[in-house]
């Protein structure tokens, strides 16, 4: 694994991790963009496993988005435009011609490529030859009630971390089981995880999570706005992921001519960083196509 720090146009820096031979041509490089509340370190097993699945001729690039890992904090004017600019930077630096996004990272890459294809946009980035997303987190046609984000932000600001996490879990339904637990009880259960490694990480990333959730979800978007995406865009969802993610992926697929859609059996929202074998095969098969 090779690590690099890349300076951004707004004075920040991003930590990039490359798994494989960094001299690999762009046609065999995949840039992975992770979701909310997760660092590049969480995705490393996935990146390494995907690289192994594809073979020695491939390289998987992974970076810490703003406010996590070794990357700098979100700037004062942080928005989805910040994320789009960062994707462009990473694609240009690595030369990767393949792009994959998970969850909120799926929203980032879809908005980025859409912006790159917009003739009036000021975003200048290379359009990937292959683009895939798994459980993309986009608020299509106001299908997601985002009023909870304001209360979530207030909880984070006042240090009510377990309550904030419970509020998000209830709203997003990441887990079919936890999503049904009454909020006060769920907050108490999550408080018990505050001293675990995963619990500490989630709480550390809560402030940046407020910004990215607002950037990705508060503004409703129409599925047809994404119809300009490449015809071979691959939309994926876990068969056991929350209904919202499956519905969003299907609607986007229906809006993008020539795109494909696949539900991974037994796949859940967290199958990507967990390097779920069946999902790895599905992703690898798509990117390895000639």
C-alpha atoms as a PDB file:
ATOM      1  CA  UNK A   1       0.000   0.000   0.000  1.00  0.00           C
ATOM      2  CA  UNK A   2       1.280   3.462  -0.959  1.00  0.00           C
ATOM      3  CA  UNK A   3       0.167   6.595   0.886  1.00  0.00           C
ATOM      4  CA  UNK A   4       0.179  10.162  -0.479  1.00  0.00           C
ATOM      5  CA  UNK A   5      -1.072  13.540   0.722  1.00  0.00           C
ATOM      6  CA  UNK A   6      -2.621  15.676  -2.020  1.00  0.00           C
ATOM      7  CA  UNK A   7      -3.128  19.439  -1.649  1.00  0.00           C
ATOM      8  CA  UNK A   8      -6.555  20.780  -2.621  1.00  0.00           C
ATOM      9  CA  UNK A   9      -7.348  24.050  -4.392  1.00  0.00           C
ATOM     10  CA  UNK A  10      -8.919  25.499  -1.234  1.00  0.00           C
ATOM     11  CA  UNK A  11      -5.820  24.973   0.897  1.00  0.00           C
ATOM     12  CA  UNK A  12      -6.745  21.599   2.380  1.00  0.00           C
ATOM     13  CA  UNK A  13      -5.191  18.178   1.898  1.00  0.00           C
ATOM     14  CA  UNK A  14      -6.478  14.672   1.269  1.00  0.00           C
ATOM     15  CA  UNK A  15      -4.915  11.343   2.255  1.00  0.00           C
ATOM     16  CA  UNK A  16      -4.785   8.838  -0.604  1.00  0.00           C
ATOM     17  CA  UNK A  17      -4.058   5.123  -0.231  1.00  0.00           C
ATOM     18  CA  UNK A  18      -3.266   2.937  -3.249  1.00  0.00           C
ATOM     19  CA  UNK A  19      -3.393  -0.851  -3.156  1.00  0.00           C
ATOM     20  CA  UNK A  20      -1.458  -2.486  -5.961  1.00  0.00           C
ATOM     21  CA  UNK A  21       1.108  -1.352  -8.508  1.00  0.00           C
ATOM     22  CA  UNK A  22       0.817   2.441  -8.775  1.00  0.00           C
ATOM     23  CA  UNK A  23       2.208   2.240 -12.326  1.00  0.00           C
ATOM     24  CA  UNK A  24      -0.944   0.413 -13.406  1.00  0.00           C
ATOM     25  CA  UNK A  25      -2.690   2.148 -16.351  1.00  0.00           C
ATOM     26  CA  UNK A  26      -5.909   4.001 -15.607  1.00  0.00           C
ATOM     27  CA  UNK A  27      -8.016   1.384 -17.372  1.00  0.00           C
ATOM     28  CA  UNK A  28      -7.170  -0.989 -14.509  1.00  0.00           C
ATOM     29  CA  UNK A  29      -7.435   1.441 -11.593  1.00  0.00           C
ATOM     30  CA  UNK A  30     -10.557   1.907  -9.456  1.00  0.00           C
ATOM     31  CA  UNK A  31     -11.131   4.933  -7.242  1.00  0.00           C
ATOM     32  CA  UNK A  32     -13.323   4.028  -4.237  1.00  0.00           C
ATOM     33  CA  UNK A  33     -15.303   6.773  -2.465  1.00  0.00           C
ATOM     34  CA  UNK A  34     -16.561   5.803   0.991  1.00  0.00           C
ATOM     35  CA  UNK A  35     -19.713   6.697   2.870  1.00  0.00           C
ATOM     36  CA  UNK A  36     -20.560   8.815   5.904  1.00  0.00           C
ATOM     37  CA  UNK A  37     -19.052   8.146   9.330  1.00  0.00           C
ATOM     38  CA  UNK A  38     -16.431   5.812   7.856  1.00  0.00           C
ATOM     39  CA  UNK A  39     -12.710   6.420   7.334  1.00  0.00           C
ATOM     40  CA  UNK A  40     -10.455   4.986   4.655  1.00  0.00           C
ATOM     41  CA  UNK A  41      -9.086   2.618   7.300  1.00  0.00           C
ATOM     42  CA  UNK A  42     -12.513   0.961   7.528  1.00  0.00           C
ATOM     43  CA  UNK A  43     -12.510   0.403   3.759  1.00  0.00           C
ATOM     44  CA  UNK A  44      -8.977  -0.979   3.562  1.00  0.00           C
ATOM     45  CA  UNK A  45     -10.044  -4.652   3.880  1.00  0.00           C
ATOM     46  CA  UNK A  46     -12.563  -4.051   1.087  1.00  0.00           C
ATOM     47  CA  UNK A  47      -9.977  -2.317  -1.126  1.00  0.00           C
ATOM     48  CA  UNK A  48      -7.407  -5.058  -0.549  1.00  0.00           C
ATOM     49  CA  UNK A  49      -9.964  -7.818  -1.152  1.00  0.00           C
ATOM     50  CA  UNK A  50     -11.269  -6.181  -4.338  1.00  0.00           C
ATOM     51  CA  UNK A  51      -7.700  -5.827  -5.589  1.00  0.00           C
ATOM     52  CA  UNK A  52      -7.064  -9.508  -4.904  1.00  0.00           C
ATOM     53  CA  UNK A  53     -10.324 -10.433  -6.624  1.00  0.00           C
ATOM     54  CA  UNK A  54      -9.341  -8.506  -9.766  1.00  0.00           C
ATOM     55  CA  UNK A  55      -5.700  -9.661  -9.805  1.00  0.00           C
ATOM     56  CA  UNK A  56      -2.197  -8.218  -9.699  1.00  0.00           C
ATOM     57  CA  UNK A  57      -2.772  -6.133 -12.825  1.00  0.00           C
ATOM     58  CA  UNK A  58      -5.225  -3.893 -10.959  1.00  0.00           C
ATOM     59  CA  UNK A  59      -4.874  -1.071  -8.419  1.00  0.00           C
ATOM     60  CA  UNK A  60      -7.562   0.143  -6.008  1.00  0.00           C
ATOM     61  CA  UNK A  61      -7.285   3.763  -4.831  1.00  0.00           C
ATOM     62  CA  UNK A  62      -9.020   4.924  -1.670  1.00  0.00           C
ATOM     63  CA  UNK A  63      -8.992   8.295   0.086  1.00  0.00           C
ATOM     64  CA  UNK A  64     -10.165   9.898   3.299  1.00  0.00           C
ATOM     65  CA  UNK A  65     -12.832  12.447   2.495  1.00  0.00           C
ATOM     66  CA  UNK A  66     -12.872  15.795   4.334  1.00  0.00           C
ATOM     67  CA  UNK A  67     -13.050  15.611   8.102  1.00  0.00           C
ATOM     68  CA  UNK A  68     -11.745  12.087   8.569  1.00  0.00           C
ATOM     69  CA  UNK A  69      -8.480  10.205   8.889  1.00  0.00           C
ATOM     70  CA  UNK A  70      -5.450  12.244   7.874  1.00  0.00           C
ATOM     71  CA  UNK A  71      -7.415  14.550   5.572  1.00  0.00           C
ATOM     72  CA  UNK A  72      -8.149  18.099   6.677  1.00  0.00           C
ATOM     73  CA  UNK A  73     -11.462  19.244   8.134  1.00  0.00           C
ATOM     74  CA  UNK A  74     -14.418  20.359   6.062  1.00  0.00           C
ATOM     75  CA  UNK A  75     -13.921  23.998   5.012  1.00  0.00           C
ATOM     76  CA  UNK A  76     -16.319  26.688   6.201  1.00  0.00           C
ATOM     77  CA  UNK A  77     -18.036  26.715   2.801  1.00  0.00           C
ATOM     78  CA  UNK A  78     -18.215  22.928   2.551  1.00  0.00           C
ATOM     79  CA  UNK A  79     -20.894  21.577   0.199  1.00  0.00           C
ATOM     80  CA  UNK A  80     -21.377  18.849  -2.389  1.00  0.00           C
ATOM     81  CA  UNK A  81     -19.267  21.041  -4.692  1.00  0.00           C
ATOM     82  CA  UNK A  82     -16.328  20.420  -2.327  1.00  0.00           C
ATOM     83  CA  UNK A  83     -16.783  16.665  -2.694  1.00  0.00           C
ATOM     84  CA  UNK A  84     -17.094  16.943  -6.480  1.00  0.00           C
ATOM     85  CA  UNK A  85     -13.857  18.927  -6.669  1.00  0.00           C
ATOM     86  CA  UNK A  86     -12.094  16.334  -4.520  1.00  0.00           C
ATOM     87  CA  UNK A  87     -13.235  13.481  -6.776  1.00  0.00           C
ATOM     88  CA  UNK A  88     -11.911  15.367  -9.793  1.00  0.00           C
ATOM     89  CA  UNK A  89      -8.560  15.848  -8.040  1.00  0.00           C
ATOM     90  CA  UNK A  90      -8.293  12.149  -7.190  1.00  0.00           C
ATOM     91  CA  UNK A  91      -9.226  10.970 -10.685  1.00  0.00           C
ATOM     92  CA  UNK A  92      -6.691  13.295 -12.285  1.00  0.00           C
ATOM     93  CA  UNK A  93      -3.915  12.335  -9.858  1.00  0.00           C
ATOM     94  CA  UNK A  94      -4.413   8.563 -10.075  1.00  0.00           C
ATOM     95  CA  UNK A  95      -5.515   8.422 -13.697  1.00  0.00           C
ATOM     96  CA  UNK A  96      -8.214   5.948 -12.595  1.00  0.00           C
ATOM     97  CA  UNK A  97     -10.811   5.316 -15.279  1.00  0.00           C
ATOM     98  CA  UNK A  98     -13.107   3.371 -12.958  1.00  0.00           C
ATOM     99  CA  UNK A  99     -15.118   4.882 -10.114  1.00  0.00           C
ATOM    100  CA  UNK A 100     -17.059   3.243  -7.278  1.00  0.00           C
ATOM    101  CA  UNK A 101     -19.083   4.858  -4.488  1.00  0.00           C
ATOM    102  CA  UNK A 102     -20.780   3.417  -1.416  1.00  0.00           C
ATOM    103  CA  UNK A 103     -23.751   5.000   0.369  1.00  0.00           C
ATOM    104  CA  UNK A 104     -23.107   8.739   0.712  1.00  0.00           C
ATOM    105  CA  UNK A 105     -19.996   8.133  -1.372  1.00  0.00           C
ATOM    106  CA  UNK A 106     -22.403   6.926  -4.057  1.00  0.00           C
ATOM    107  CA  UNK A 107     -24.128  10.299  -3.946  1.00  0.00           C
ATOM    108  CA  UNK A 108     -20.737  11.989  -4.233  1.00  0.00           C
ATOM    109  CA  UNK A 109     -19.605  10.083  -7.339  1.00  0.00           C
ATOM    110  CA  UNK A 110     -22.975  10.343  -9.114  1.00  0.00           C
ATOM    111  CA  UNK A 111     -23.115  14.100  -8.535  1.00  0.00           C
ATOM    112  CA  UNK A 112     -19.477  14.410  -9.574  1.00  0.00           C
ATOM    113  CA  UNK A 113     -19.827  12.609 -12.898  1.00  0.00           C
ATOM    114  CA  UNK A 114     -23.094  14.402 -13.631  1.00  0.00           C
ATOM    115  CA  UNK A 115     -21.291  17.693 -13.037  1.00  0.00           C
ATOM    116  CA  UNK A 116     -18.341  16.671 -15.248  1.00  0.00           C
ATOM    117  CA  UNK A 117     -20.794  16.011 -18.089  1.00  0.00           C
ATOM    118  CA  UNK A 118     -22.649  19.315 -17.659  1.00  0.00           C
ATOM    119  CA  UNK A 119     -21.401  21.758 -20.353  1.00  0.00           C
ATOM    120  CA  UNK A 120     -22.217  24.801 -18.208  1.00  0.00           C
ATOM    121  CA  UNK A 121     -20.652  23.449 -15.021  1.00  0.00           C
ATOM    122  CA  UNK A 122     -17.347  24.820 -13.785  1.00  0.00           C
ATOM    123  CA  UNK A 123     -16.326  21.387 -12.509  1.00  0.00           C
ATOM    124  CA  UNK A 124     -13.619  19.918 -14.693  1.00  0.00           C
ATOM    125  CA  UNK A 125     -13.103  16.232 -14.130  1.00  0.00           C
ATOM    126  CA  UNK A 126     -12.512  13.140 -16.281  1.00  0.00           C
ATOM    127  CA  UNK A 127     -15.579  11.001 -16.975  1.00  0.00           C
ATOM    128  CA  UNK A 128     -14.860   7.404 -15.898  1.00  0.00           C
ATOM    129  CA  UNK A 129     -15.119   4.567 -18.371  1.00  0.00           C
ATOM    130  CA  UNK A 130     -16.995   2.562 -15.738  1.00  0.00           C
ATOM    131  CA  UNK A 131     -19.071   3.904 -12.859  1.00  0.00           C
ATOM    132  CA  UNK A 132     -20.762   1.829 -10.153  1.00  0.00           C
ATOM    133  CA  UNK A 133     -22.516   2.628  -6.882  1.00  0.00           C
ATOM    134  CA  UNK A 134     -23.842   0.485  -4.041  1.00  0.00           C
ATOM    135  CA  UNK A 135     -26.770   1.704  -1.918  1.00  0.00           C
ATOM    136  CA  UNK A 136     -26.432   5.357  -3.067  1.00  0.00           C
ATOM    137  CA  UNK A 137     -27.741   7.886  -0.517  1.00  0.00           C
ATOM    138  CA  UNK A 138     -29.640  10.492  -2.546  1.00  0.00           C
ATOM    139  CA  UNK A 139     -32.934  12.165  -1.660  1.00  0.00           C
ATOM    140  CA  UNK A 140     -34.928  11.563  -4.840  1.00  0.00           C
ATOM    141  CA  UNK A 141     -38.130  13.561  -5.272  1.00  0.00           C
ATOM    142  CA  UNK A 142     -38.302  14.295  -1.538  1.00  0.00           C
ATOM    143  CA  UNK A 143     -38.719  10.582  -0.813  1.00  0.00           C
ATOM    144  CA  UNK A 144     -36.698  11.015   2.375  1.00  0.00           C
ATOM    145  CA  UNK A 145     -37.980  13.117   5.282  1.00  0.00           C
ATOM    146  CA  UNK A 146     -34.890  15.110   6.279  1.00  0.00           C
ATOM    147  CA  UNK A 147     -36.404  17.146   9.114  1.00  0.00           C
ATOM    148  CA  UNK A 148     -34.524  14.912  11.550  1.00  0.00           C
ATOM    149  CA  UNK A 149     -31.163  16.312  10.357  1.00  0.00           C
ATOM    150  CA  UNK A 150     -31.771  19.619  12.164  1.00  0.00           C
ATOM    151  CA  UNK A 151     -32.372  17.817  15.470  1.00  0.00           C
ATOM    152  CA  UNK A 152     -29.427  15.541  14.709  1.00  0.00           C
ATOM    153  CA  UNK A 153     -27.179  18.591  14.268  1.00  0.00           C
ATOM    154  CA  UNK A 154     -28.410  20.077  17.551  1.00  0.00           C
ATOM    155  CA  UNK A 155     -27.692  16.821  19.375  1.00  0.00           C
ATOM    156  CA  UNK A 156     -24.154  16.730  17.967  1.00  0.00           C
ATOM    157  CA  UNK A 157     -23.523  20.378  18.880  1.00  0.00           C
ATOM    158  CA  UNK A 158     -24.621  19.719  22.470  1.00  0.00           C
ATOM    159  CA  UNK A 159     -22.633  16.506  22.797  1.00  0.00           C
ATOM    160  CA  UNK A 160     -25.664  14.221  22.862  1.00  0.00           C
ATOM    161  CA  UNK A 161     -23.845  11.742  20.667  1.00  0.00           C
ATOM    162  CA  UNK A 162     -25.754   8.560  21.451  1.00  0.00           C
ATOM    163  CA  UNK A 163     -29.044  10.367  20.943  1.00  0.00           C
ATOM    164  CA  UNK A 164     -27.784  11.719  17.610  1.00  0.00           C
ATOM    165  CA  UNK A 165     -26.760   8.248  16.431  1.00  0.00           C
ATOM    166  CA  UNK A 166     -30.103   6.806  17.514  1.00  0.00           C
ATOM    167  CA  UNK A 167     -31.947   9.560  15.654  1.00  0.00           C
ATOM    168  CA  UNK A 168     -30.001   8.823  12.474  1.00  0.00           C
ATOM    169  CA  UNK A 169     -30.510   5.053  12.768  1.00  0.00           C
ATOM    170  CA  UNK A 170     -34.242   5.489  13.203  1.00  0.00           C
ATOM    171  CA  UNK A 171     -34.475   7.846  10.228  1.00  0.00           C
ATOM    172  CA  UNK A 172     -32.264   5.950   7.780  1.00  0.00           C
ATOM    173  CA  UNK A 173     -33.192   2.407   8.852  1.00  0.00           C
ATOM    174  CA  UNK A 174     -29.692   1.022   8.255  1.00  0.00           C
ATOM    175  CA  UNK A 175     -30.637  -1.997  10.356  1.00  0.00           C
ATOM    176  CA  UNK A 176     -34.163  -3.470  10.063  1.00  0.00           C
ATOM    177  CA  UNK A 177     -33.918  -4.495  13.721  1.00  0.00           C
ATOM    178  CA  UNK A 178     -32.383  -1.400  15.330  1.00  0.00           C
ATOM    179  CA  UNK A 179     -34.529   0.898  13.246  1.00  0.00           C
ATOM    180  CA  UNK A 180     -37.619  -0.353  15.067  1.00  0.00           C
ATOM    181  CA  UNK A 181     -36.274   0.211  18.584  1.00  0.00           C
ATOM    182  CA  UNK A 182     -37.780   3.290  20.322  1.00  0.00           C
ATOM    183  CA  UNK A 183     -35.327   6.195  20.179  1.00  0.00           C
ATOM    184  CA  UNK A 184     -34.678   6.552  23.958  1.00  0.00           C
ATOM    185  CA  UNK A 185     -33.981   2.818  24.294  1.00  0.00           C
ATOM    186  CA  UNK A 186     -31.830   2.799  21.174  1.00  0.00           C
ATOM    187  CA  UNK A 187     -29.824   5.770  22.475  1.00  0.00           C
ATOM    188  CA  UNK A 188     -29.194   3.885  25.709  1.00  0.00           C
ATOM    189  CA  UNK A 189     -28.066   0.810  23.783  1.00  0.00           C
ATOM    190  CA  UNK A 190     -25.725   2.871  21.616  1.00  0.00           C
ATOM    191  CA  UNK A 191     -24.291   4.572  24.686  1.00  0.00           C
ATOM    192  CA  UNK A 192     -22.954   1.169  25.710  1.00  0.00           C
ATOM    193  CA  UNK A 193     -20.792   1.164  22.563  1.00  0.00           C
ATOM    194  CA  UNK A 194     -19.174   4.540  23.285  1.00  0.00           C
ATOM    195  CA  UNK A 195     -15.958   2.959  24.555  1.00  0.00           C
ATOM    196  CA  UNK A 196     -15.564   0.447  21.727  1.00  0.00           C
ATOM    197  CA  UNK A 197     -13.276   1.222  18.789  1.00  0.00           C
ATOM    198  CA  UNK A 198     -16.212   1.514  16.376  1.00  0.00           C
ATOM    199  CA  UNK A 199     -18.215   3.581  18.851  1.00  0.00           C
ATOM    200  CA  UNK A 200     -15.376   6.036  19.423  1.00  0.00           C
ATOM    201  CA  UNK A 201     -14.836   6.397  15.668  1.00  0.00           C
ATOM    202  CA  UNK A 202     -18.508   7.103  14.977  1.00  0.00           C
ATOM    203  CA  UNK A 203     -18.594   9.808  17.618  1.00  0.00           C
ATOM    204  CA  UNK A 204     -15.395  11.395  16.318  1.00  0.00           C
ATOM    205  CA  UNK A 205     -16.947  11.704  12.862  1.00  0.00           C
ATOM    206  CA  UNK A 206     -20.287  13.129  13.991  1.00  0.00           C
ATOM    207  CA  UNK A 207     -19.371  16.815  13.351  1.00  0.00           C
ATOM    208  CA  UNK A 208     -18.322  16.141   9.753  1.00  0.00           C
ATOM    209  CA  UNK A 209     -21.365  13.886   9.405  1.00  0.00           C
ATOM    210  CA  UNK A 210     -23.654  16.843   9.977  1.00  0.00           C
ATOM    211  CA  UNK A 211     -22.150  18.668   7.010  1.00  0.00           C
ATOM    212  CA  UNK A 212     -22.158  15.750   4.603  1.00  0.00           C
ATOM    213  CA  UNK A 213     -25.697  14.650   5.445  1.00  0.00           C
ATOM    214  CA  UNK A 214     -26.921  18.171   4.775  1.00  0.00           C
ATOM    215  CA  UNK A 215     -24.954  18.345   1.528  1.00  0.00           C
ATOM    216  CA  UNK A 216     -26.232  15.013   0.229  1.00  0.00           C
ATOM    217  CA  UNK A 217     -29.769  14.752   1.549  1.00  0.00           C
ATOM    218  CA  UNK A 218     -31.370  18.083   2.476  1.00  0.00           C
ATOM    219  CA  UNK A 219     -31.809  19.153  -1.135  1.00  0.00           C
ATOM    220  CA  UNK A 220     -34.229  16.902  -3.008  1.00  0.00           C
ATOM    221  CA  UNK A 221     -33.189  15.912  -6.531  1.00  0.00           C
ATOM    222  CA  UNK A 222     -35.074  14.474  -9.484  1.00  0.00           C
ATOM    223  CA  UNK A 223     -33.975  11.092 -10.805  1.00  0.00           C
ATOM    224  CA  UNK A 224     -34.195  12.456 -14.356  1.00  0.00           C
ATOM    225  CA  UNK A 225     -31.415  14.943 -13.525  1.00  0.00           C
ATOM    226  CA  UNK A 226     -29.035  11.988 -13.528  1.00  0.00           C
ATOM    227  CA  UNK A 227     -30.094  10.768 -16.977  1.00  0.00           C
ATOM    228  CA  UNK A 228     -26.893  12.244 -18.458  1.00  0.00           C
ATOM    229  CA  UNK A 229     -24.747   9.650 -16.671  1.00  0.00           C
ATOM    230  CA  UNK A 230     -22.840   7.147 -18.853  1.00  0.00           C
ATOM    231  CA  UNK A 231     -24.976   4.413 -20.362  1.00  0.00           C
ATOM    232  CA  UNK A 232     -22.945   1.664 -18.701  1.00  0.00           C
ATOM    233  CA  UNK A 233     -23.422   3.017 -15.169  1.00  0.00           C
ATOM    234  CA  UNK A 234     -24.019   0.115 -12.773  1.00  0.00           C
ATOM    235  CA  UNK A 235     -26.472   0.615  -9.891  1.00  0.00           C
ATOM    236  CA  UNK A 236     -26.269  -1.899  -7.047  1.00  0.00           C
ATOM    237  CA  UNK A 237     -28.137  -2.495  -3.809  1.00  0.00           C
ATOM    238  CA  UNK A 238     -28.198  -5.060  -1.063  1.00  0.00           C
ATOM    239  CA  UNK A 239     -31.263  -7.291  -1.082  1.00  0.00           C
ATOM    240  CA  UNK A 240     -31.357  -6.865   2.712  1.00  0.00           C
ATOM    241  CA  UNK A 241     -30.463  -3.176   2.764  1.00  0.00           C
ATOM    242  CA  UNK A 242     -33.106  -0.673   3.826  1.00  0.00           C
ATOM    243  CA  UNK A 243     -35.929  -0.230   1.317  1.00  0.00           C
ATOM    244  CA  UNK A 244     -34.859   3.391   0.754  1.00  0.00           C
ATOM    245  CA  UNK A 245     -31.509   2.337  -0.719  1.00  0.00           C
ATOM    246  CA  UNK A 246     -32.995  -0.306  -3.007  1.00  0.00           C
ATOM    247  CA  UNK A 247     -35.688   2.073  -4.222  1.00  0.00           C
ATOM    248  CA  UNK A 248     -33.183   4.861  -4.875  1.00  0.00           C
ATOM    249  CA  UNK A 249     -30.864   2.599  -6.863  1.00  0.00           C
ATOM    250  CA  UNK A 250     -33.752   1.259  -8.955  1.00  0.00           C
ATOM    251  CA  UNK A 251     -35.150   4.726  -9.705  1.00  0.00           C
ATOM    252  CA  UNK A 252     -31.743   5.968 -10.795  1.00  0.00           C
ATOM    253  CA  UNK A 253     -31.288   2.919 -13.018  1.00  0.00           C
ATOM    254  CA  UNK A 254     -34.652   3.568 -14.656  1.00  0.00           C
ATOM    255  CA  UNK A 255     -33.664   7.198 -15.281  1.00  0.00           C
ATOM    256  CA  UNK A 256     -30.276   6.414 -16.894  1.00  0.00           C
ATOM    257  CA  UNK A 257     -30.627   4.875 -20.363  1.00  0.00           C
ATOM    258  CA  UNK A 258     -28.402   1.852 -20.894  1.00  0.00           C
ATOM    259  CA  UNK A 259     -27.562   1.459 -17.200  1.00  0.00           C
ATOM    260  CA  UNK A 260     -27.757  -1.812 -15.272  1.00  0.00           C
ATOM    261  CA  UNK A 261     -29.183  -2.754 -11.876  1.00  0.00           C
ATOM    262  CA  UNK A 262     -28.300  -5.613  -9.553  1.00  0.00           C
ATOM    263  CA  UNK A 263     -29.390  -6.603  -6.062  1.00  0.00           C
ATOM    264  CA  UNK A 264     -26.854  -8.709  -4.204  1.00  0.00           C
ATOM    265  CA  UNK A 265     -28.541 -11.615  -2.369  1.00  0.00           C
ATOM    266  CA  UNK A 266     -28.045 -11.372   1.396  1.00  0.00           C
ATOM    267  CA  UNK A 267     -26.285  -8.027   0.869  1.00  0.00           C
ATOM    268  CA  UNK A 268     -26.756  -5.427   3.607  1.00  0.00           C
ATOM    269  CA  UNK A 269     -25.777  -1.767   3.683  1.00  0.00           C
ATOM    270  CA  UNK A 270     -22.507  -2.542   5.436  1.00  0.00           C
ATOM    271  CA  UNK A 271     -21.466  -5.296   3.028  1.00  0.00           C
ATOM    272  CA  UNK A 272     -19.004  -3.028   1.234  1.00  0.00           C
ATOM    273  CA  UNK A 273     -16.517  -2.181   3.995  1.00  0.00           C
ATOM    274  CA  UNK A 274     -17.064  -5.701   5.335  1.00  0.00           C
ATOM    275  CA  UNK A 275     -15.785  -7.091   2.016  1.00  0.00           C
ATOM    276  CA  UNK A 276     -18.774  -9.427   1.629  1.00  0.00           C
ATOM    277  CA  UNK A 277     -17.594 -12.119  -0.810  1.00  0.00           C
ATOM    278  CA  UNK A 278     -20.657 -12.288  -3.071  1.00  0.00           C
ATOM    279  CA  UNK A 279     -20.722  -8.507  -3.422  1.00  0.00           C
ATOM    280  CA  UNK A 280     -16.999  -8.459  -4.227  1.00  0.00           C
ATOM    281  CA  UNK A 281     -17.688 -10.880  -7.068  1.00  0.00           C
ATOM    282  CA  UNK A 282     -20.527  -8.684  -8.367  1.00  0.00           C
ATOM    283  CA  UNK A 283     -18.367  -5.548  -8.273  1.00  0.00           C
ATOM    284  CA  UNK A 284     -15.315  -7.294  -9.713  1.00  0.00           C
ATOM    285  CA  UNK A 285     -17.315  -8.798 -12.582  1.00  0.00           C
ATOM    286  CA  UNK A 286     -18.588  -5.359 -13.582  1.00  0.00           C
ATOM    287  CA  UNK A 287     -15.210  -3.612 -13.597  1.00  0.00           C
ATOM    288  CA  UNK A 288     -13.371  -6.535 -15.228  1.00  0.00           C
ATOM    289  CA  UNK A 289     -15.611  -6.509 -18.300  1.00  0.00           C
ATOM    290  CA  UNK A 290     -13.720  -5.814 -21.511  1.00  0.00           C
END
